[in-house]
């Protein structure tokens, strides 16, 4: 699949935003009043106080952001050697992304 330059830029911006997600989340949680309001909220927010949920959110942002950037860069390269190396990085990040997704599924409570 060929991407035009506008799509590549949009994918890179989305990847950069996902890479910045852990920093933004850490800044938001650093204020104790916001932290208490967040963990006293409804279901998905009430569990964000635990370390496992924060780890999953942060690692998912990092892995998915890096995967999107590597994917858009591998489509941009005309040198076959660079494209091959970027495809290897993209494949590794895709596997990590799948592992983070499996971890996230383990955090979802099962219905009784």
Protein backbone atom coordinates (compact mmCIF):
# COMPACT_ATOMS: atom_id res chain seq x y z
CA UNK A 1 0.00 0.00 0.00
CA UNK A 2 1.44 3.33 -1.03
CA UNK A 3 0.88 6.35 1.15
CA UNK A 4 0.84 9.90 -0.12
CA UNK A 5 2.86 12.53 1.70
CA UNK A 6 -0.15 13.92 3.58
CA UNK A 7 -0.98 10.48 5.00
CA UNK A 8 2.63 9.91 6.05
CA UNK A 9 2.71 13.26 7.87
CA UNK A 10 -0.62 12.53 9.59
CA UNK A 11 0.62 9.11 10.72
CA UNK A 12 3.85 10.63 12.06
CA UNK A 13 1.89 13.30 13.97
CA UNK A 14 -0.35 10.61 15.48
CA UNK A 15 2.74 8.56 16.39
CA UNK A 16 4.36 11.59 18.03
CA UNK A 17 1.17 12.27 19.99
CA UNK A 18 1.12 8.68 21.22
CA UNK A 19 4.79 8.96 22.21
CA UNK A 20 3.91 12.07 24.24
CA UNK A 21 0.99 10.31 25.96
CA UNK A 22 3.01 9.02 28.99
CA UNK A 23 4.43 12.48 29.63
CA UNK A 24 1.00 14.11 29.41
CA UNK A 25 -0.55 11.47 31.65
CA UNK A 26 2.22 11.83 34.22
CA UNK A 27 1.76 15.61 34.22
CA UNK A 28 -2.00 15.23 34.71
CA UNK A 29 -1.64 12.76 37.58
CA UNK A 30 1.04 14.82 39.34
CA UNK A 31 -1.64 17.14 40.77
CA UNK A 32 -3.09 15.32 43.77
CA UNK A 33 -6.57 16.87 43.45
CA UNK A 34 -6.88 15.76 39.82
CA UNK A 35 -5.55 12.33 40.76
CA UNK A 36 -8.21 11.89 43.47
CA UNK A 37 -10.95 13.12 41.13
CA UNK A 38 -9.78 10.66 38.48
CA UNK A 39 -9.60 7.55 40.69
CA UNK A 40 -12.97 8.35 42.30
CA UNK A 41 -14.61 8.44 38.86
CA UNK A 42 -16.41 5.68 36.95
CA UNK A 43 -14.86 2.33 35.93
CA UNK A 44 -12.09 2.93 33.45
CA UNK A 45 -10.79 5.96 35.35
CA UNK A 46 -11.08 4.42 38.82
CA UNK A 47 -8.51 1.77 37.88
CA UNK A 48 -5.94 4.21 36.48
CA UNK A 49 -4.49 4.67 39.95
CA UNK A 50 -2.94 1.21 39.93
CA UNK A 51 0.56 0.72 38.63
CA UNK A 52 -0.42 -2.04 36.21
CA UNK A 53 -2.96 0.13 34.40
CA UNK A 54 -0.52 3.05 34.26
CA UNK A 55 2.19 0.76 32.92
CA UNK A 56 -0.15 -0.59 30.25
CA UNK A 57 -1.30 2.88 29.20
CA UNK A 58 2.24 4.24 29.03
CA UNK A 59 3.76 1.24 27.26
CA UNK A 60 0.89 1.10 24.77
CA UNK A 61 1.43 4.75 23.90
CA UNK A 62 5.15 4.27 23.46
CA UNK A 63 4.93 1.07 21.42
CA UNK A 64 2.06 2.17 19.18
CA UNK A 65 3.60 5.60 18.60
CA UNK A 66 6.95 4.10 17.65
CA UNK A 67 5.19 1.55 15.42
CA UNK A 68 3.30 4.25 13.54
CA UNK A 69 6.41 6.34 13.02
CA UNK A 70 8.46 3.34 11.85
CA UNK A 71 5.65 2.27 9.54
CA UNK A 72 5.39 5.69 7.92
CA UNK A 73 9.18 5.93 7.56
CA UNK A 74 9.45 2.49 5.97
CA UNK A 75 6.93 3.55 3.32
CA UNK A 76 8.92 6.73 2.68
CA UNK A 77 12.32 5.20 1.99
CA UNK A 78 13.54 4.49 -1.54
CA UNK A 79 16.78 2.77 -0.45
CA UNK A 80 16.09 -0.98 -0.14
CA UNK A 81 18.59 -1.42 2.73
CA UNK A 82 16.98 1.29 4.84
CA UNK A 83 13.51 -0.03 4.03
CA UNK A 84 14.55 -3.54 5.08
CA UNK A 85 15.91 -2.34 8.42
CA UNK A 86 12.84 -0.22 9.08
CA UNK A 87 10.59 -3.17 8.25
CA UNK A 88 12.49 -5.22 10.83
CA UNK A 89 11.97 -2.49 13.43
CA UNK A 90 8.31 -2.24 12.43
CA UNK A 91 7.86 -5.99 12.81
CA UNK A 92 9.47 -5.98 16.25
CA UNK A 93 7.31 -3.07 17.38
CA UNK A 94 4.20 -4.79 16.01
CA UNK A 95 4.96 -7.88 18.10
CA UNK A 96 5.47 -5.68 21.17
CA UNK A 97 2.20 -3.94 20.37
CA UNK A 98 0.42 -7.28 20.33
CA UNK A 99 1.93 -8.20 23.71
CA UNK A 100 0.77 -4.90 25.22
CA UNK A 101 -2.71 -5.53 23.79
CA UNK A 102 -2.78 -8.99 25.39
CA UNK A 103 -1.73 -7.43 28.70
CA UNK A 104 -4.49 -4.86 28.36
CA UNK A 105 -7.04 -7.63 27.75
CA UNK A 106 -5.93 -9.29 30.99
CA UNK A 107 -6.86 -6.13 32.86
CA UNK A 108 -10.47 -6.12 31.68
CA UNK A 109 -12.69 -7.71 34.33
CA UNK A 110 -14.56 -10.82 33.22
CA UNK A 111 -18.38 -10.73 33.52
CA UNK A 112 -19.88 -13.01 36.14
